Structures are given as C-alpha cells and as structure tokens.
Amino acid sequence: MKIRAFFLALFALACFSLTAPAKTPPVWTMDKPYTNSPLQRATLTGTATFNEVQGQAWLIVSCRPDAGKPEVTLRVDKALAESFPVGKYEGPGGVGEKMRLLRVAMDQGESASTYLASGTRQENNTFQWTFTPPQAEMERWINAPGTLVTLYIRQEDAGAPRLEASFVLPASNADLAALVRPCYKK
C-alpha cells in the first residue's frame, strides 16, 4: 500500500512539473493614451540593475505619424529610481541632455549607439530617460527578433557604476514596424 501511495505521489509530482507555467515569451504591448489618439505606443518589459539593486524596466516606443520621429523611453521602477542618482538627469539642462550618456547595445555588444537623453520623474516614483533614435536604429530592432537589447545609463563621473536595462526583442517585431515606419515618412 505504501508503494502504491509513493508511486501516486511521484506521478502527481511529474504531472505538476509538466504542467508548470512556462515563461511567457516577450511581446510588444500596443496601446494609445485614449481612443482614436494619433499617438501610439509599443511597450516591452525587461529588467534593470544598478549596483546590487534589481528591478523592472520598460522600453516604450512612441510615435505620432503626423508629428515626426519616434521616441524611445527607458523607464525604471521605484527601487532603481531611488538608488541611481536620477536628480542629475532630470529636467531641462540635465546632464543627459549635455552628454551622450545613454548607450544602446545589441547581443552584449559594446560597440553601440550613444544618445543624449532627457530624464523625468514619473508617477509612482518611477524615472525615465527619453531619446530619439535614427531610423537605422529602429530598423536594427525590427530586423533582429529574439535579440538581447541592453540600454546603459552612464554617470558623468568616469568609473562610476552604470544602470543597465535588458530586453529581449519578441519573435515578431511586426507591431513595432507598423508603429515606427510611418513616423519616418514625414
């Protein structure tokens, strides 16, 4: 009887292991601030680290086809915003508007694009950096499904630790392409 109970427990454990939820593959979440808004956004969720602090990050691509080029925003959660010296980046004249401190790399590459990025504090004490990439950068993302994209925010002091945010591009970037390509036609 004990052997039968043991095998039933083993069978139940095996079934549970096979039915455990798999990690959800990354997808662009598409939205608009309100119905019929010309502004559209594509958001990808990832993780960010600074020193020993790890938290959630969001990569947000937004565009209004009638208003110009897409903007890319890196937003980090409260824990990261509280541990990284965000005050230096905030508002007009912030250090990120004077120095190219934001770097975008694909597949662990350090040879990457650098940008000026303005910083702003957001609701719920999150913080974000926004930059305007050229069309070539957006096309690299569109044509690289499954690729790791890492954004680095350097501090102005050489050798100071940087914030790193990582995102895996979805298997299909068709939604991203549909969002950004019309914005470059203006």
C-alpha atoms as a PDB file:
ATOM      1  CA  MET A   1       0.000   0.000   0.000  1.00  0.00           C
ATOM      2  CA  LYS A   2       2.854   2.364   0.842  1.00  0.00           C
ATOM      3  CA  ILE A   3       4.487   1.614  -2.504  1.00  0.00           C
ATOM      4  CA  ARG A   4       1.276   2.485  -4.335  1.00  0.00           C
ATOM      5  CA  ALA A   5       0.986   5.806  -2.432  1.00  0.00           C
ATOM      6  CA  PHE A   6       4.632   6.547  -3.220  1.00  0.00           C
ATOM      7  CA  PHE A   7       4.112   5.970  -6.959  1.00  0.00           C
ATOM      8  CA  LEU A   8       0.905   8.041  -6.947  1.00  0.00           C
ATOM      9  CA  ALA A   9       2.779  10.909  -5.283  1.00  0.00           C
ATOM     10  CA  LEU A  10       5.631  10.540  -7.774  1.00  0.00           C
ATOM     11  CA  PHE A  11       3.148  10.530 -10.675  1.00  0.00           C
ATOM     12  CA  ALA A  12       1.400  13.660  -9.327  1.00  0.00           C
ATOM     13  CA  LEU A  13       4.750  15.427  -8.981  1.00  0.00           C
ATOM     14  CA  ALA A  14       5.690  14.513 -12.550  1.00  0.00           C
ATOM     15  CA  CYS A  15       2.343  15.777 -13.861  1.00  0.00           C
ATOM     16  CA  PHE A  16       2.722  19.038 -11.932  1.00  0.00           C
ATOM     17  CA  SER A  17       6.225  19.536 -13.313  1.00  0.00           C
ATOM     18  CA  LEU A  18       4.981  19.057 -16.858  1.00  0.00           C
ATOM     19  CA  THR A  19       2.084  21.469 -16.399  1.00  0.00           C
ATOM     20  CA  ALA A  20       4.000  24.223 -14.573  1.00  0.00           C
ATOM     21  CA  PRO A  21       3.569  27.505 -16.401  1.00  0.00           C
ATOM     22  CA  ALA A  22       6.264  28.241 -18.942  1.00  0.00           C
ATOM     23  CA  LYS A  23       7.932  31.628 -19.097  1.00  0.00           C
ATOM     24  CA  THR A  24       5.891  33.913 -21.320  1.00  0.00           C
ATOM     25  CA  PRO A  25       7.772  34.956 -24.455  1.00  0.00           C
ATOM     26  CA  PRO A  26       8.287  38.704 -24.874  1.00  0.00           C
ATOM     27  CA  VAL A  27       5.724  40.670 -26.884  1.00  0.00           C
ATOM     28  CA  TRP A  28       5.208  44.323 -27.730  1.00  0.00           C
ATOM     29  CA  THR A  29       2.151  45.609 -25.851  1.00  0.00           C
ATOM     30  CA  MET A  30       0.415  48.142 -28.075  1.00  0.00           C
ATOM     31  CA  ASP A  31      -1.709  50.973 -26.698  1.00  0.00           C
ATOM     32  CA  LYS A  32      -2.903  54.567 -27.121  1.00  0.00           C
ATOM     33  CA  PRO A  33      -3.422  57.148 -24.367  1.00  0.00           C
ATOM     34  CA  TYR A  34      -7.099  57.385 -25.376  1.00  0.00           C
ATOM     35  CA  THR A  35      -9.419  56.070 -28.107  1.00  0.00           C
ATOM     36  CA  ASN A  36      -8.642  57.490 -31.568  1.00  0.00           C
ATOM     37  CA  SER A  37      -5.405  59.082 -30.334  1.00  0.00           C
ATOM     38  CA  PRO A  38      -2.828  59.580 -33.095  1.00  0.00           C
ATOM     39  CA  LEU A  39      -0.110  58.790 -30.522  1.00  0.00           C
ATOM     40  CA  GLN A  40       0.640  55.080 -30.384  1.00  0.00           C
ATOM     41  CA  ARG A  41       2.963  53.192 -28.043  1.00  0.00           C
ATOM     42  CA  ALA A  42       4.682  49.827 -28.048  1.00  0.00           C
ATOM     43  CA  THR A  43       5.985  48.630 -24.675  1.00  0.00           C
ATOM     44  CA  LEU A  44       8.373  45.793 -23.872  1.00  0.00           C
ATOM     45  CA  THR A  45       9.062  44.647 -20.307  1.00  0.00           C
ATOM     46  CA  GLY A  46      12.550  43.798 -19.082  1.00  0.00           C
ATOM     47  CA  THR A  47      14.842  44.019 -16.073  1.00  0.00           C
ATOM     48  CA  ALA A  48      17.349  46.588 -14.904  1.00  0.00           C
ATOM     49  CA  THR A  49      20.191  46.603 -12.393  1.00  0.00           C
ATOM     50  CA  PHE A  50      22.283  49.215 -10.646  1.00  0.00           C
ATOM     51  CA  ASN A  51      24.899  48.014  -8.171  1.00  0.00           C
ATOM     52  CA  GLU A  52      23.048  45.369  -6.129  1.00  0.00           C
ATOM     53  CA  VAL A  53      19.555  46.690  -6.876  1.00  0.00           C
ATOM     54  CA  GLN A  54      17.479  44.871  -9.481  1.00  0.00           C
ATOM     55  CA  GLY A  55      14.042  45.881 -10.683  1.00  0.00           C
ATOM     56  CA  GLN A  56      11.613  46.087 -13.541  1.00  0.00           C
ATOM     57  CA  ALA A  57      12.201  48.205 -16.636  1.00  0.00           C
ATOM     58  CA  TRP A  58      10.051  49.161 -19.595  1.00  0.00           C
ATOM     59  CA  LEU A  59      11.155  50.009 -23.116  1.00  0.00           C
ATOM     60  CA  ILE A  60       8.499  52.276 -24.636  1.00  0.00           C
ATOM     61  CA  VAL A  61       8.498  53.310 -28.285  1.00  0.00           C
ATOM     62  CA  SER A  62       6.003  56.079 -29.028  1.00  0.00           C
ATOM     63  CA  CYS A  63       5.081  57.864 -32.213  1.00  0.00           C
ATOM     64  CA  ARG A  64       2.537  60.167 -33.820  1.00  0.00           C
ATOM     65  CA  PRO A  65       2.833  59.804 -37.592  1.00  0.00           C
ATOM     66  CA  ASP A  66       1.720  63.421 -38.039  1.00  0.00           C
ATOM     67  CA  ALA A  67       4.310  64.804 -35.609  1.00  0.00           C
ATOM     68  CA  GLY A  68       7.696  63.425 -36.551  1.00  0.00           C
ATOM     69  CA  LYS A  69      10.152  60.777 -35.483  1.00  0.00           C
ATOM     70  CA  PRO A  70       9.543  58.086 -32.857  1.00  0.00           C
ATOM     71  CA  GLU A  71      10.837  58.498 -29.332  1.00  0.00           C
ATOM     72  CA  VAL A  72      12.196  55.685 -27.199  1.00  0.00           C
ATOM     73  CA  THR A  73      11.817  55.782 -23.434  1.00  0.00           C
ATOM     74  CA  LEU A  74      13.583  53.662 -20.845  1.00  0.00           C
ATOM     75  CA  ARG A  75      11.545  53.642 -17.623  1.00  0.00           C
ATOM     76  CA  VAL A  76      12.782  52.023 -14.397  1.00  0.00           C
ATOM     77  CA  ASP A  77      10.853  51.167 -11.253  1.00  0.00           C
ATOM     78  CA  LYS A  78      10.932  52.934  -7.903  1.00  0.00           C
ATOM     79  CA  ALA A  79      13.728  50.850  -6.328  1.00  0.00           C
ATOM     80  CA  LEU A  80      16.099  51.690  -9.178  1.00  0.00           C
ATOM     81  CA  ALA A  81      14.994  55.334  -9.315  1.00  0.00           C
ATOM     82  CA  GLU A  82      15.765  55.637  -5.608  1.00  0.00           C
ATOM     83  CA  SER A  83      19.218  54.019  -5.830  1.00  0.00           C
ATOM     84  CA  PHE A  84      20.546  55.647  -9.028  1.00  0.00           C
ATOM     85  CA  PRO A  85      21.364  59.412  -8.880  1.00  0.00           C
ATOM     86  CA  VAL A  86      18.466  60.384 -11.155  1.00  0.00           C
ATOM     87  CA  GLY A  87      18.337  64.001  -9.990  1.00  0.00           C
ATOM     88  CA  LYS A  88      21.320  64.887 -12.186  1.00  0.00           C
ATOM     89  CA  TYR A  89      19.396  63.760 -15.277  1.00  0.00           C
ATOM     90  CA  GLU A  90      16.071  65.411 -14.527  1.00  0.00           C
ATOM     91  CA  GLY A  91      14.568  68.333 -16.374  1.00  0.00           C
ATOM     92  CA  PRO A  92      15.881  70.870 -18.845  1.00  0.00           C
ATOM     93  CA  GLY A  93      19.621  71.174 -18.591  1.00  0.00           C
ATOM     94  CA  GLY A  94      20.014  67.733 -17.033  1.00  0.00           C
ATOM     95  CA  VAL A  95      23.355  66.024 -17.599  1.00  0.00           C
ATOM     96  CA  GLY A  96      21.780  63.588 -20.082  1.00  0.00           C
ATOM     97  CA  GLU A  97      20.918  66.498 -22.376  1.00  0.00           C
ATOM     98  CA  LYS A  98      24.534  67.706 -22.385  1.00  0.00           C
ATOM     99  CA  MET A  99      26.462  64.429 -22.596  1.00  0.00           C
ATOM    100  CA  ARG A 100      25.805  61.234 -24.536  1.00  0.00           C
ATOM    101  CA  LEU A 101      25.334  59.011 -21.502  1.00  0.00           C
ATOM    102  CA  LEU A 102      22.752  56.567 -22.878  1.00  0.00           C
ATOM    103  CA  ARG A 103      24.140  53.646 -24.891  1.00  0.00           C
ATOM    104  CA  VAL A 104      22.151  51.017 -26.793  1.00  0.00           C
ATOM    105  CA  ALA A 105      23.835  47.663 -27.491  1.00  0.00           C
ATOM    106  CA  MET A 106      22.530  44.505 -29.143  1.00  0.00           C
ATOM    107  CA  ASP A 107      23.606  40.963 -28.173  1.00  0.00           C
ATOM    108  CA  GLN A 108      26.110  42.018 -25.489  1.00  0.00           C
ATOM    109  CA  GLY A 109      27.980  44.255 -27.922  1.00  0.00           C
ATOM    110  CA  GLU A 110      29.691  47.304 -26.510  1.00  0.00           C
ATOM    111  CA  SER A 111      30.133  48.839 -29.946  1.00  0.00           C
ATOM    112  CA  ALA A 112      26.810  50.578 -29.960  1.00  0.00           C
ATOM    113  CA  SER A 113      24.949  53.819 -30.497  1.00  0.00           C
ATOM    114  CA  THR A 114      25.083  56.592 -27.890  1.00  0.00           C
ATOM    115  CA  TYR A 115      22.431  59.256 -27.332  1.00  0.00           C
ATOM    116  CA  LEU A 116      21.548  62.392 -25.456  1.00  0.00           C
ATOM    117  CA  ALA A 117      18.590  61.541 -23.219  1.00  0.00           C
ATOM    118  CA  SER A 118      16.341  63.795 -21.166  1.00  0.00           C
ATOM    119  CA  GLY A 119      15.194  62.455 -17.809  1.00  0.00           C
ATOM    120  CA  THR A 120      11.916  62.896 -15.952  1.00  0.00           C
ATOM    121  CA  ARG A 121      10.400  61.547 -12.757  1.00  0.00           C
ATOM    122  CA  GLN A 122       7.072  59.798 -13.352  1.00  0.00           C
ATOM    123  CA  GLU A 123       4.069  58.662 -11.347  1.00  0.00           C
ATOM    124  CA  ASN A 124       4.701  56.082  -8.622  1.00  0.00           C
ATOM    125  CA  ASN A 125       8.291  57.363  -8.295  1.00  0.00           C
ATOM    126  CA  THR A 126       9.488  55.713 -11.477  1.00  0.00           C
ATOM    127  CA  PHE A 127      12.073  57.517 -13.606  1.00  0.00           C
ATOM    128  CA  GLN A 128      12.545  57.592 -17.345  1.00  0.00           C
ATOM    129  CA  TRP A 129      15.044  58.668 -19.975  1.00  0.00           C
ATOM    130  CA  THR A 130      13.807  59.577 -23.469  1.00  0.00           C
ATOM    131  CA  PHE A 131      15.804  59.770 -26.690  1.00  0.00           C
ATOM    132  CA  THR A 132      15.147  59.977 -30.426  1.00  0.00           C
ATOM    133  CA  PRO A 133      16.897  57.217 -32.399  1.00  0.00           C
ATOM    134  CA  PRO A 134      17.520  57.404 -36.135  1.00  0.00           C
ATOM    135  CA  GLN A 135      15.575  55.137 -38.460  1.00  0.00           C
ATOM    136  CA  ALA A 136      18.595  52.823 -38.840  1.00  0.00           C
ATOM    137  CA  GLU A 137      18.485  52.001 -35.106  1.00  0.00           C
ATOM    138  CA  MET A 138      14.774  51.177 -35.223  1.00  0.00           C
ATOM    139  CA  GLU A 139      15.290  49.014 -38.312  1.00  0.00           C
ATOM    140  CA  ARG A 140      18.014  47.080 -36.455  1.00  0.00           C
ATOM    141  CA  TRP A 141      15.466  46.255 -33.746  1.00  0.00           C
ATOM    142  CA  ILE A 142      12.741  45.372 -36.239  1.00  0.00           C
ATOM    143  CA  ASN A 143      15.071  43.007 -38.112  1.00  0.00           C
ATOM    144  CA  ALA A 144      16.507  41.265 -35.040  1.00  0.00           C
ATOM    145  CA  PRO A 145      13.805  39.083 -33.454  1.00  0.00           C
ATOM    146  CA  GLY A 146      14.888  37.323 -30.272  1.00  0.00           C
ATOM    147  CA  THR A 147      17.906  39.591 -29.844  1.00  0.00           C
ATOM    148  CA  LEU A 148      19.007  40.969 -26.486  1.00  0.00           C
ATOM    149  CA  VAL A 149      18.928  44.786 -26.403  1.00  0.00           C
ATOM    150  CA  THR A 150      20.696  46.440 -23.473  1.00  0.00           C
ATOM    151  CA  LEU A 151      20.476  50.109 -22.580  1.00  0.00           C
ATOM    152  CA  TYR A 152      23.183  51.551 -20.358  1.00  0.00           C
ATOM    153  CA  ILE A 153      22.903  54.831 -18.472  1.00  0.00           C
ATOM    154  CA  ARG A 154      26.366  56.061 -17.542  1.00  0.00           C
ATOM    155  CA  GLN A 155      27.055  58.606 -14.871  1.00  0.00           C
ATOM    156  CA  GLU A 156      29.053  61.685 -15.787  1.00  0.00           C
ATOM    157  CA  ASP A 157      31.881  60.663 -13.445  1.00  0.00           C
ATOM    158  CA  ALA A 158      34.254  58.255 -15.193  1.00  0.00           C
ATOM    159  CA  GLY A 159      34.351  54.893 -13.465  1.00  0.00           C
ATOM    160  CA  ALA A 160      31.062  55.380 -11.594  1.00  0.00           C
ATOM    161  CA  PRO A 161      28.701  52.388 -11.862  1.00  0.00           C
ATOM    162  CA  ARG A 162      26.112  52.462 -14.621  1.00  0.00           C
ATOM    163  CA  LEU A 163      22.500  51.390 -14.755  1.00  0.00           C
ATOM    164  CA  GLU A 164      21.822  48.512 -17.175  1.00  0.00           C
ATOM    165  CA  ALA A 165      18.418  47.566 -18.574  1.00  0.00           C
ATOM    166  CA  SER A 166      17.961  44.431 -20.700  1.00  0.00           C
ATOM    167  CA  PHE A 167      15.142  43.451 -23.034  1.00  0.00           C
ATOM    168  CA  VAL A 168      14.671  40.510 -25.388  1.00  0.00           C
ATOM    169  CA  LEU A 169      13.047  41.513 -28.661  1.00  0.00           C
ATOM    170  CA  PRO A 170       9.971  39.404 -29.500  1.00  0.00           C
ATOM    171  CA  ALA A 171       9.917  36.698 -32.165  1.00  0.00           C
ATOM    172  CA  SER A 172       7.861  39.123 -34.261  1.00  0.00           C
ATOM    173  CA  ASN A 173       8.526  42.840 -34.423  1.00  0.00           C
ATOM    174  CA  ALA A 174       5.720  43.468 -36.938  1.00  0.00           C
ATOM    175  CA  ASP A 175       3.815  45.655 -34.439  1.00  0.00           C
ATOM    176  CA  LEU A 176       6.923  47.753 -33.859  1.00  0.00           C
ATOM    177  CA  ALA A 177       7.462  48.121 -37.611  1.00  0.00           C
ATOM    178  CA  ALA A 178       3.840  49.198 -38.129  1.00  0.00           C
ATOM    179  CA  LEU A 179       4.270  51.795 -35.394  1.00  0.00           C
ATOM    180  CA  VAL A 180       7.595  53.398 -36.356  1.00  0.00           C
ATOM    181  CA  ARG A 181       7.848  53.203 -40.146  1.00  0.00           C
ATOM    182  CA  PRO A 182       5.033  55.711 -40.845  1.00  0.00           C
ATOM    183  CA  CYS A 183       6.720  58.173 -38.472  1.00  0.00           C
ATOM    184  CA  TYR A 184       9.885  58.314 -40.561  1.00  0.00           C
ATOM    185  CA  LYS A 185       7.966  59.185 -43.737  1.00  0.00           C
ATOM    186  CA  LYS A 186       7.243  62.755 -42.633  1.00  0.00           C
END
